[in-house]
Protein backbone atom coordinates (compact mmCIF):
# COMPACT_ATOMS: atom_id res chain seq x y z
CA MET A 1 53.11 34.20 63.86
CA PRO A 2 52.00 32.36 60.41
CA ARG A 3 48.47 32.27 62.14
CA ARG A 4 48.45 35.92 63.47
CA LEU A 5 49.77 36.89 60.04
CA LEU A 6 47.02 34.90 58.56
CA ALA A 7 44.56 36.41 60.62
CA GLU A 8 45.29 39.67 59.40
CA LEU A 9 45.49 39.15 55.83
CA LEU A 10 41.79 37.27 55.89
CA GLY A 11 40.49 39.75 58.41
CA SER A 12 42.09 42.44 55.97
CA ALA A 13 40.41 41.14 53.09
CA PHE A 14 37.06 40.93 54.61
CA LEU A 15 37.06 44.17 55.78
CA ALA A 16 37.99 45.54 52.10
CA ALA A 17 35.47 43.45 50.65
CA LEU A 18 33.10 44.59 53.09
CA VAL A 19 33.48 48.09 52.73
CA ILE A 20 33.61 48.29 49.01
CA GLY A 21 31.07 45.69 48.53
CA SER A 22 28.28 47.29 50.58
CA GLY A 23 29.07 50.75 48.76
CA ILE A 24 28.45 49.34 45.47
CA ALA A 25 25.06 47.27 46.59
CA ALA A 26 24.41 50.47 48.06
CA GLN A 27 24.83 52.65 44.85
CA THR A 28 22.53 50.22 43.14
CA LEU A 29 20.24 50.07 45.78
CA SER A 30 19.65 53.66 46.14
CA PRO A 31 20.81 55.08 42.47
CA GLY A 32 20.89 58.87 42.90
CA ASP A 33 20.30 59.14 46.64
CA VAL A 34 23.63 59.84 48.04
CA GLY A 35 22.64 60.29 51.14
CA LEU A 36 21.11 56.90 51.58
CA ALA A 37 23.50 55.24 49.95
CA LEU A 38 26.40 56.03 52.27
CA PHE A 39 23.81 55.45 55.12
CA GLU A 40 23.70 51.94 53.88
CA ASN A 41 27.26 51.94 53.37
CA ALA A 42 28.30 53.02 57.04
CA ALA A 43 25.37 50.74 58.42
CA ALA A 44 26.97 47.43 56.79
CA THR A 45 30.82 48.61 57.70
CA ALA A 46 29.86 49.21 61.37
CA ALA A 47 28.38 45.78 61.64
CA GLY A 48 30.87 44.00 59.57
CA LEU A 49 33.59 45.52 60.95
CA ALA A 50 32.74 44.67 64.73
CA THR A 51 32.19 41.07 63.67
CA ILE A 52 34.99 40.61 61.57
CA ILE A 53 36.86 41.74 64.44
CA LEU A 54 35.18 39.46 66.86
CA MET A 55 36.32 36.40 64.14
CA PHE A 56 39.83 37.22 63.69
CA GLY A 57 40.70 39.22 67.16
CA PRO A 58 41.25 36.05 69.58
CA VAL A 59 44.02 35.03 66.92
CA SER A 60 45.86 38.00 65.88
CA GLY A 61 44.07 40.89 67.65
CA ALA A 62 42.53 42.13 64.68
CA HIS A 63 44.53 45.34 63.51
CA PHE A 64 43.85 45.24 60.05
CA ASN A 65 45.08 48.57 60.19
CA PRO A 66 48.91 49.84 59.82
CA VAL A 67 48.89 52.79 62.06
CA VAL A 68 47.49 50.34 64.76
CA SER A 69 50.02 48.17 64.54
CA LEU A 70 52.57 50.58 64.40
CA ALA A 71 50.95 52.37 67.51
CA ASP A 72 51.23 49.23 69.30
CA ALA A 73 54.33 48.65 68.86
CA THR A 74 54.86 52.40 70.26
CA PHE A 75 53.44 51.13 73.54
CA GLY A 76 55.19 47.73 73.94
CA GLY A 77 51.88 45.74 72.72
CA ILE A 78 53.78 44.00 69.72
CA SER A 79 57.38 44.35 68.84
CA TRP A 80 58.39 46.32 65.71
CA GLY A 81 59.10 43.24 64.03
CA GLU A 82 55.49 41.59 64.08
CA ALA A 83 54.27 45.15 63.29
CA LEU A 84 56.45 45.62 60.30
CA ALA A 85 55.45 41.75 59.23
CA TYR A 86 51.70 42.75 60.21
CA ILE A 87 51.42 45.49 57.71
CA PRO A 88 52.63 43.67 54.16
CA ALA A 89 49.75 41.08 55.12
CA GLN A 90 46.99 44.23 55.85
CA ILE A 91 48.02 45.67 52.72
CA ALA A 92 47.68 42.83 50.55
CA GLY A 93 44.18 41.30 52.31
CA CYS A 94 42.76 44.85 51.29
CA ALA A 95 43.83 44.30 47.92
CA LEU A 96 42.66 41.11 47.54
CA GLY A 97 39.07 42.24 49.48
CA ALA A 98 38.65 44.90 46.71
CA LEU A 99 39.12 42.34 43.46
CA ALA A 100 36.61 39.95 45.39
CA ALA A 101 34.24 42.81 45.80
CA ASN A 102 34.62 43.67 42.23
CA GLY A 103 34.05 39.82 41.12
CA MET A 104 31.21 39.70 43.41
CA PHE A 105 29.09 42.05 41.86
CA ALA A 106 30.16 41.27 38.01
CA LYS A 107 32.67 44.31 37.78
CA ALA A 108 36.24 44.19 36.57
CA ALA A 109 38.80 42.55 38.83
CA ILE A 110 40.95 45.41 38.88
CA SER A 111 39.23 48.58 37.63
CA ILE A 112 41.48 52.02 39.28
CA SER A 113 39.55 54.54 40.90
CA THR A 114 38.86 57.70 39.16
CA HIS A 115 37.26 59.27 42.39
CA HIS A 116 39.66 61.81 43.52
CA ARG A 117 39.35 62.90 47.68
CA ALA A 118 42.50 64.82 48.89
CA SER A 119 41.22 68.05 49.29
CA SER A 120 42.82 69.69 52.52
CA ALA A 121 39.58 69.27 54.20
CA HIS A 122 39.37 65.49 53.29
CA LEU A 123 42.86 65.47 55.29
CA LEU A 124 42.20 67.36 57.88
CA ALA A 125 39.14 64.50 58.36
CA GLU A 126 41.58 62.15 57.75
CA ALA A 127 44.14 62.88 60.61
CA ILE A 128 41.11 63.72 63.25
CA ALA A 129 38.96 60.02 62.19
CA THR A 130 42.16 58.32 62.60
CA ALA A 131 43.57 59.94 65.87
CA GLY A 132 39.89 59.07 67.26
CA LEU A 133 40.67 55.35 66.14
CA LEU A 134 43.13 54.95 68.23
CA LEU A 135 41.92 56.96 70.95
CA VAL A 136 38.76 54.77 71.20
CA ILE A 137 40.98 51.52 71.09
CA PHE A 138 43.87 52.53 73.56
CA SER A 139 41.45 53.80 76.08
CA LEU A 140 39.61 50.52 76.03
CA ALA A 141 43.14 48.41 76.35
CA ARG A 142 43.96 50.76 79.43
CA THR A 143 40.53 50.50 81.29
CA HIS A 144 40.31 47.08 80.80
CA ARG A 145 37.37 46.90 78.80
CA ALA A 146 38.62 45.75 75.76
CA ASN A 147 35.85 43.24 75.24
CA ALA A 148 33.56 45.92 74.09
CA ALA A 149 36.28 46.46 71.52
CA PRO A 150 34.34 45.36 68.44
CA ALA A 151 31.20 47.23 69.07
CA ALA A 152 32.75 50.19 70.01
CA VAL A 153 35.11 50.42 66.64
CA GLY A 154 32.32 49.43 64.66
CA ALA A 155 29.98 52.19 66.12
CA TYR A 156 32.90 54.78 66.05
CA ILE A 157 33.82 54.19 62.18
CA GLY A 158 30.28 54.24 61.24
CA ALA A 159 29.50 57.65 62.77
CA ALA A 160 32.77 58.67 61.25
CA TYR A 161 31.32 57.99 57.84
CA PHE A 162 28.63 61.03 58.56
CA PHE A 163 31.06 63.44 60.59
CA THR A 164 34.24 63.33 58.32
CA SER A 165 34.37 64.72 54.44
CA SER A 166 36.54 61.41 53.88
CA THR A 167 34.05 59.38 54.91
CA SER A 168 36.62 57.90 57.47
CA PHE A 169 38.91 55.65 55.50
CA ALA A 170 41.42 55.85 58.84
CA ASN A 171 43.84 53.13 57.60
CA PRO A 172 46.40 52.82 55.03
CA ALA A 173 46.11 49.65 53.98
CA ILE A 174 42.32 50.18 53.58
CA SER A 175 43.49 53.26 51.14
CA VAL A 176 45.34 50.93 48.93
CA GLY A 177 42.82 48.39 48.20
CA ARG A 178 40.38 50.98 47.36
CA MET A 179 42.38 52.18 44.80
CA PHE A 180 41.41 48.91 42.70
CA SER A 181 37.44 49.69 42.72
CA ASN A 182 35.97 52.47 40.79
CA THR A 183 33.00 52.25 42.14
CA PHE A 184 31.48 54.21 45.19
CA ALA A 185 33.83 53.42 47.89
CA GLY A 186 37.08 53.93 45.58
CA ILE A 187 39.86 56.63 45.61
CA ALA A 188 42.02 57.53 43.06
CA PRO A 189 46.03 56.53 43.56
CA ALA A 190 46.85 59.94 43.21
CA SER A 191 44.81 60.98 46.45
CA VAL A 192 46.26 58.07 47.94
CA PRO A 193 49.53 59.12 49.35
CA ALA A 194 48.15 62.05 50.59
CA PHE A 195 45.37 60.13 52.88
CA ILE A 196 48.19 58.13 54.27
CA VAL A 197 49.92 60.96 55.59
CA ALA A 198 47.27 62.49 57.21
CA GLN A 199 46.47 59.65 58.52
CA LEU A 200 49.95 58.77 59.92
CA VAL A 201 49.83 62.67 61.29
CA GLY A 202 46.66 61.76 63.23
CA GLY A 203 48.24 58.26 64.46
CA ALA A 204 51.09 60.16 66.10
CA SER A 205 48.80 62.69 67.24
CA ALA A 206 46.78 60.56 69.10
CA ILE A 207 50.02 58.71 70.59
CA VAL A 208 50.72 61.80 72.31
CA ALA A 209 47.60 62.56 73.52
CA ILE A 210 47.49 58.78 74.96
CA ARG A 211 50.14 59.32 76.68
CA VAL A 212 48.91 62.50 78.46
CA LEU A 213 45.75 60.87 78.96
CA TYR A 214 46.99 57.24 80.22
CA PRO A 215 50.35 58.17 81.17
CA ASP A 216 50.65 54.60 82.75
CA VAL A 217 49.65 52.72 79.73
CA THR A 218 52.08 49.19 80.19
CA PRO A 219 52.81 46.75 77.42
CA ALA A 220 50.45 44.33 78.92
CA GLU A 221 47.32 46.49 78.13
CA ALA A 222 48.46 47.47 74.77
CA GLU A 223 49.11 43.42 74.38
CA GLU A 224 45.50 43.56 74.68
CA VAL A 225 44.58 45.79 71.31
CA VAL A 226 42.32 45.61 69.53
CA MET A 227 40.74 42.86 71.66
CA PRO A 228 42.41 40.29 73.81
CA HIS A 229 44.28 37.28 71.89
CA HIS A 230 47.61 36.42 73.86
CA GLN A 231 45.72 34.24 76.68
CA GLU A 232 43.84 32.39 73.82
CA LEU A 233 47.23 31.71 71.62
CA LEU A 234 48.86 30.54 74.17
CA ALA A 235 46.37 28.25 75.33
CA ALA A 236 46.03 27.41 71.51
CA GLU A 237 49.92 26.48 71.58
CA ARG A 238 50.21 24.49 74.67
CA SER A 239 47.24 22.24 73.52
CA ILE A 240 49.14 21.51 70.08
CA SER A 241 52.55 20.99 71.38
CA GLN A 242 50.95 18.63 74.08
CA PRO A 243 50.89 14.98 73.11
CA ALA A 244 47.79 13.10 72.48
CA SER A 245 46.95 11.06 75.56
CA SER A 246 47.26 7.03 75.02
């Protein structure tokens, strides 16, 4: 478990640094052109997210998202205790990533965002974005295509930057982390609770849809969310426990 929690912490930190850092860079490189800046932010996020999943997926499954962990526990992929352990690591990681992104661009380490986002349209967008994300992840696991998850998840989030009015946070941990950067990708603290509620509603809706679409999802299939990792962990644990040959 410690290795898995470290993977979730680091992966979440890289995710927040990626989203916020690319947002700062995009705004700097394309001042006055919000559409181009958003495209740059989305492209960097899509490519970077796929890579981060590949980096940490073999250790923890690369959830980086409390809604994914809670859904995985619902389907028996991880225990509820494991899900509740993942969530603080994800939130702490996203907060650390925000501080790192601010530092890399010579901003104040902590700058609370003033970007209010919690309109009814934004909340609807967050529910839809989160539901879609879970449908992508669990449909791939159920149909034994989890190895395609890094590219598919990255592509979905990149596209959702543009087809949702909220630019698809779809993640309570990243919503918290982005409070700490008063930059292009930031969100005001007052908007975060509503975003998280919308994301949880979207997650619950997705669980219902998955149960209807794939009524025979097994715990073994759910274990492969976001990407296969249990066999790699078992192999690593065996190699550690085996005494060195003389």
